[in-house]
Amino acid sequence: MIDLDTKEFYDEFWPKHVPIYEKTKAYMLETITERQVGRALDAGCGHGICSVVLSELADTVTAVDLSTDSLATAREQAARFGRGNISFHHQDLQTLAPEFRAFDLVWCWGVAMMAPDPMKVMHNLMRATAPGGTVYLGLYLKTWLSPVHQGVRHFCRRFMNTPRRKKLVLDFFAGLTNLVCRLRGQEINRRDDNVSIQAQVDDWYYPPYKTFYSIEEILDLFRRNGFEASCIQDRLGRMKSATIFVVRAVKQAQA
């Protein structure tokens, strides 16, 4: 069963907003400890740039996503960079097929919390990891501003979701971001790998689902399921209402 609402959103989003390869690679190499693995899983590959980077570290990469248009974009990126060791599969991470297992490295950055049932996704990622394998999981951090973020998101999706109104929202937040950054003497609030502030705002406020978590509850989840887990990055976002933390979890070998 495919989550059609999320599929529809990312069918439109990722083909138009492919991140910058060099910046994405630099971030991933700073984050991933391993430099050579056998099998890697890009869980929610979206645009495919992360799959390309993983293919430079792994013998083989399995890339899965529920968005067929995103998968088409990801295949284009693999061809663009000449990476022949990536296989692409149409899968919802909530119902990931049992044959997707025994991966030495699982990468799931900013994906699990966008599902209707993120816990199903996380349990499937744990199941898919080989003993001794590592999961890198990026999730939105729960703060006192998270309800504000959710309120804005629900308002935008319900009342500002026609093409014209959506453009007004994206341009408004982009202009506000530019103004605030100039007044504070800061750099523009845009992720290094992203193509525009508008794209970032779209991904903040318009996905159909989004769940926030505390670092402690995710660490506890992994530890209760046989992983040694630690938070390796606690605040990646520049906005307190939409910042990501990253957990690295190693599956303990069975006795």
Protein backbone atom coordinates (compact mmCIF):
# COMPACT_ATOMS: atom_id res chain seq x y z
CA MET A 1 0.00 0.00 0.00
CA ILE A 2 1.54 3.31 -1.12
CA ASP A 3 1.09 6.60 0.76
CA LEU A 4 -0.46 8.43 -2.19
CA ASP A 5 -0.57 11.91 -0.59
CA THR A 6 3.18 11.97 0.02
CA LYS A 7 3.83 10.37 -3.36
CA GLU A 8 1.87 13.15 -5.08
CA PHE A 9 3.78 15.89 -3.25
CA TYR A 10 7.25 14.51 -4.03
CA ASP A 11 6.31 13.53 -7.58
CA GLU A 12 6.10 17.29 -8.13
CA PHE A 13 8.78 18.49 -5.70
CA TRP A 14 11.99 16.55 -6.31
CA PRO A 15 12.13 16.65 -10.12
CA LYS A 16 12.15 20.47 -9.82
CA HIS A 17 14.52 20.81 -6.83
CA VAL A 18 17.53 18.53 -7.23
CA PRO A 19 20.13 19.50 -4.59
CA ILE A 20 23.68 20.53 -5.42
CA TYR A 21 25.88 17.44 -5.70
CA GLU A 22 29.14 18.93 -4.39
CA LYS A 23 27.49 20.38 -1.27
CA THR A 24 25.51 17.20 -0.61
CA LYS A 25 28.64 15.07 -0.94
CA ALA A 26 30.63 17.31 1.40
CA TYR A 27 27.91 17.05 4.06
CA MET A 28 27.55 13.27 3.73
CA LEU A 29 31.29 12.68 3.96
CA GLU A 30 31.37 14.78 7.12
CA THR A 31 28.51 12.72 8.56
CA ILE A 32 29.28 9.14 7.50
CA THR A 33 32.15 7.49 9.35
CA GLU A 34 32.47 4.52 7.02
CA ARG A 35 34.55 4.95 3.87
CA GLN A 36 33.94 1.53 2.32
CA VAL A 37 30.94 -0.76 2.80
CA GLY A 38 29.43 -3.64 0.92
CA ARG A 39 25.70 -2.95 0.62
CA ALA A 40 24.03 0.40 1.27
CA LEU A 41 20.35 1.36 1.38
CA ASP A 42 19.20 4.86 0.47
CA ALA A 43 15.86 4.75 2.26
CA GLY A 44 13.71 7.40 0.57
CA CYS A 45 16.16 8.32 -2.19
CA GLY A 46 14.06 11.18 -3.62
CA HIS A 47 16.23 13.12 -6.08
CA GLY A 48 18.96 10.45 -6.10
CA ILE A 49 21.95 12.64 -5.24
CA CYS A 50 22.50 10.84 -1.92
CA SER A 51 22.38 7.53 -3.80
CA VAL A 52 25.14 8.77 -6.09
CA VAL A 53 27.32 9.73 -3.11
CA LEU A 54 26.64 6.40 -1.39
CA SER A 55 27.60 4.58 -4.59
CA GLU A 56 31.09 6.03 -4.22
CA LEU A 57 31.39 4.42 -0.76
CA ALA A 58 29.54 1.15 -1.28
CA ASP A 59 29.93 -1.82 -3.60
CA THR A 60 26.20 -1.69 -4.32
CA VAL A 61 23.42 0.76 -3.43
CA THR A 62 19.73 -0.06 -3.22
CA ALA A 63 17.64 3.10 -3.59
CA VAL A 64 13.94 3.00 -2.70
CA ASP A 65 11.23 5.63 -2.85
CA LEU A 66 7.44 5.80 -3.06
CA SER A 67 7.51 8.63 -5.62
CA THR A 68 7.76 7.30 -9.16
CA ASP A 69 8.69 10.71 -10.60
CA SER A 70 11.42 11.06 -7.96
CA LEU A 71 12.75 7.64 -8.92
CA ALA A 72 12.88 8.74 -12.55
CA THR A 73 14.86 11.81 -11.46
CA ALA A 74 17.16 9.64 -9.34
CA ARG A 75 17.85 7.35 -12.30
CA GLU A 76 18.76 10.42 -14.35
CA GLN A 77 21.27 11.47 -11.68
CA ALA A 78 22.84 8.01 -11.60
CA ALA A 79 23.25 8.14 -15.38
CA ARG A 80 24.57 11.71 -15.23
CA PHE A 81 27.36 10.69 -12.85
CA GLY A 82 27.97 7.34 -14.50
CA ARG A 83 27.10 5.26 -11.46
CA GLY A 84 26.12 1.74 -12.49
CA ASN A 85 26.06 0.14 -9.05
CA ILE A 86 22.70 1.61 -7.96
CA SER A 87 19.41 -0.27 -8.28
CA PHE A 88 16.13 1.62 -7.91
CA HIS A 89 12.90 0.23 -6.45
CA HIS A 90 9.38 1.58 -5.96
CA GLN A 91 8.74 0.98 -2.25
CA ASP A 92 6.91 2.66 0.63
CA LEU A 93 9.20 2.52 3.68
CA GLN A 94 6.15 1.86 5.87
CA THR A 95 5.68 -1.48 4.09
CA LEU A 96 9.24 -2.18 2.99
CA ALA A 97 9.36 -5.68 1.48
CA PRO A 98 11.17 -8.35 3.55
CA GLU A 99 13.76 -8.98 0.84
CA PHE A 100 15.25 -5.54 1.53
CA ARG A 101 17.57 -6.58 4.36
CA ALA A 102 21.17 -7.21 5.47
CA PHE A 103 22.46 -3.75 4.56
CA ASP A 104 25.79 -2.63 5.96
CA LEU A 105 24.77 1.04 5.84
CA VAL A 106 21.28 2.55 5.87
CA TRP A 107 20.88 6.23 5.03
CA CYS A 108 17.52 7.87 5.81
CA TRP A 109 17.89 11.65 6.03
CA GLY A 110 14.77 13.77 6.44
CA VAL A 111 12.43 11.03 5.23
CA ALA A 112 11.00 8.90 8.05
CA MET A 113 9.18 11.78 9.78
CA MET A 114 7.35 12.60 6.53
CA ALA A 115 5.41 9.31 6.57
CA PRO A 116 1.94 8.89 8.13
CA ASP A 117 3.46 6.31 10.52
CA PRO A 118 7.16 7.10 11.07
CA MET A 119 7.56 4.34 13.65
CA LYS A 120 6.78 1.73 11.01
CA VAL A 121 9.51 3.24 8.87
CA MET A 122 12.05 3.22 11.67
CA HIS A 123 11.32 -0.39 12.63
CA ASN A 124 11.70 -1.42 8.99
CA LEU A 125 15.04 0.38 8.80
CA MET A 126 16.23 -1.49 11.88
CA ARG A 127 15.09 -4.80 10.39
CA ALA A 128 16.86 -4.01 7.13
CA THR A 129 20.21 -3.42 8.85
CA ALA A 130 22.74 -6.26 9.00
CA PRO A 131 24.36 -7.13 12.35
CA GLY A 132 27.26 -4.73 12.69
CA GLY A 133 25.63 -2.41 10.17
CA THR A 134 24.95 1.29 10.72
CA VAL A 135 21.85 3.45 10.36
CA TYR A 136 22.09 7.21 9.78
CA LEU A 137 18.70 8.73 10.56
CA GLY A 138 17.81 12.43 10.30
CA LEU A 139 14.58 13.58 11.96
CA TYR A 140 12.92 16.89 12.85
CA LEU A 141 13.67 17.96 16.41
CA LYS A 142 10.71 18.55 18.71
CA THR A 143 10.88 22.01 20.30
CA TRP A 144 8.36 24.39 21.86
CA LEU A 145 8.01 25.97 18.40
CA SER A 146 7.04 22.71 16.69
CA PRO A 147 3.26 23.31 17.19
CA VAL A 148 3.69 26.74 15.56
CA HIS A 149 5.39 25.13 12.58
CA GLN A 150 2.61 22.56 12.33
CA GLY A 151 -0.07 25.23 12.57
CA VAL A 152 1.47 27.22 9.72
CA ARG A 153 1.85 24.05 7.67
CA HIS A 154 -1.80 23.02 8.12
CA PHE A 155 -2.97 26.55 7.26
CA CYS A 156 -0.85 26.64 4.10
CA ARG A 157 -1.98 23.23 2.92
CA ARG A 158 -5.65 23.98 3.55
CA PHE A 159 -6.00 27.61 2.51
CA MET A 160 -2.92 28.51 0.44
CA ASN A 161 -2.50 25.49 -1.81
CA THR A 162 -3.51 26.77 -5.24
CA PRO A 163 -0.55 27.54 -7.52
CA ARG A 164 -1.01 31.30 -7.21
CA ARG A 165 -1.50 31.29 -3.43
CA LYS A 166 1.37 28.87 -2.91
CA LYS A 167 3.70 31.15 -4.86
CA LEU A 168 2.67 34.04 -2.60
CA VAL A 169 3.57 31.97 0.48
CA LEU A 170 6.93 30.85 -0.90
CA ASP A 171 7.89 34.36 -2.04
CA PHE A 172 6.71 35.91 1.25
CA PHE A 173 8.84 33.61 3.41
CA ALA A 174 11.81 33.97 1.04
CA GLY A 175 11.54 37.77 1.24
CA LEU A 176 11.12 37.68 5.02
CA THR A 177 14.16 35.42 5.35
CA ASN A 178 16.28 37.75 3.22
CA LEU A 179 15.15 40.80 5.19
CA VAL A 180 15.79 39.26 8.63
CA CYS A 181 19.20 37.97 7.58
CA ARG A 182 20.22 41.38 6.23
CA LEU A 183 19.07 43.15 9.39
CA ARG A 184 21.04 40.69 11.53
CA GLY A 185 24.08 40.79 9.29
CA GLN A 186 23.79 37.05 8.69
CA GLU A 187 24.19 34.92 5.62
CA ILE A 188 20.99 34.00 3.78
CA ASN A 189 19.13 31.25 5.61
CA ARG A 190 19.39 28.52 2.98
CA ARG A 191 20.84 25.03 3.23
CA ASP A 192 24.09 24.81 1.31
CA ASP A 193 22.80 22.02 -0.93
CA ASN A 194 19.45 23.60 -1.72
CA VAL A 195 18.63 25.42 -4.92
CA SER A 196 16.45 28.23 -3.47
CA ILE A 197 14.80 29.50 -0.33
CA GLN A 198 11.43 28.96 -2.01
CA ALA A 199 12.22 25.25 -2.42
CA GLN A 200 13.16 25.01 1.23
CA VAL A 201 9.95 26.75 2.31
CA ASP A 202 7.91 24.42 0.08
CA ASP A 203 9.46 21.41 1.80
CA TRP A 204 8.89 22.97 5.25
CA TYR A 205 5.22 23.82 4.97
CA TYR A 206 3.56 21.78 2.23
CA PRO A 207 4.26 18.04 2.79
CA PRO A 208 1.11 16.20 3.87
CA TYR A 209 2.70 14.68 7.00
CA LYS A 210 5.42 15.75 9.40
CA THR A 211 6.28 14.48 12.88
CA PHE A 212 8.76 15.90 15.39
CA TYR A 213 10.79 13.85 17.88
CA SER A 214 13.09 14.36 20.84
CA ILE A 215 16.61 13.03 20.58
CA GLU A 216 16.16 10.96 23.72
CA GLU A 217 13.12 9.04 22.50
CA ILE A 218 14.85 8.04 19.25
CA LEU A 219 18.04 6.98 21.03
CA ASP A 220 15.92 4.91 23.42
CA LEU A 221 14.03 3.35 20.51
CA PHE A 222 17.24 2.13 18.89
CA ARG A 223 18.77 0.93 22.13
CA ARG A 224 15.66 -1.10 22.98
CA ASN A 225 15.98 -2.78 19.59
CA GLY A 226 19.59 -3.91 19.91
CA PHE A 227 21.48 -0.89 18.58
CA GLU A 228 24.24 1.22 20.05
CA ALA A 229 23.02 4.72 19.27
CA SER A 230 24.27 8.27 19.63
CA CYS A 231 23.26 11.70 18.37
CA ILE A 232 26.03 12.97 16.08
CA GLN A 233 24.38 16.24 14.99
CA ASP A 234 21.81 17.97 17.17
CA ARG A 235 20.76 21.13 15.30
CA LEU A 236 21.30 21.29 11.56
CA GLY A 237 18.59 23.80 10.70
CA ARG A 238 18.89 27.54 11.17
CA MET A 239 15.22 27.82 12.20
CA LYS A 240 14.34 26.60 15.69
CA SER A 241 10.91 25.44 14.46
CA ALA A 242 12.38 23.23 11.72
CA THR A 243 15.77 21.84 12.69
CA ILE A 244 17.02 18.32 12.10
CA PHE A 245 19.07 16.06 14.34
CA VAL A 246 20.97 12.99 13.15
CA VAL A 247 21.35 9.70 14.98
CA ARG A 248 24.01 7.11 14.18
CA ALA A 249 23.02 3.63 15.33
CA VAL A 250 25.06 0.44 15.01
CA LYS A 251 23.25 -2.90 15.15
CA GLN A 252 24.84 -5.17 17.68
CA ALA A 253 26.01 -8.57 16.45
CA GLN A 254 23.85 -11.40 17.66
CA ALA A 255 25.36 -13.67 20.31
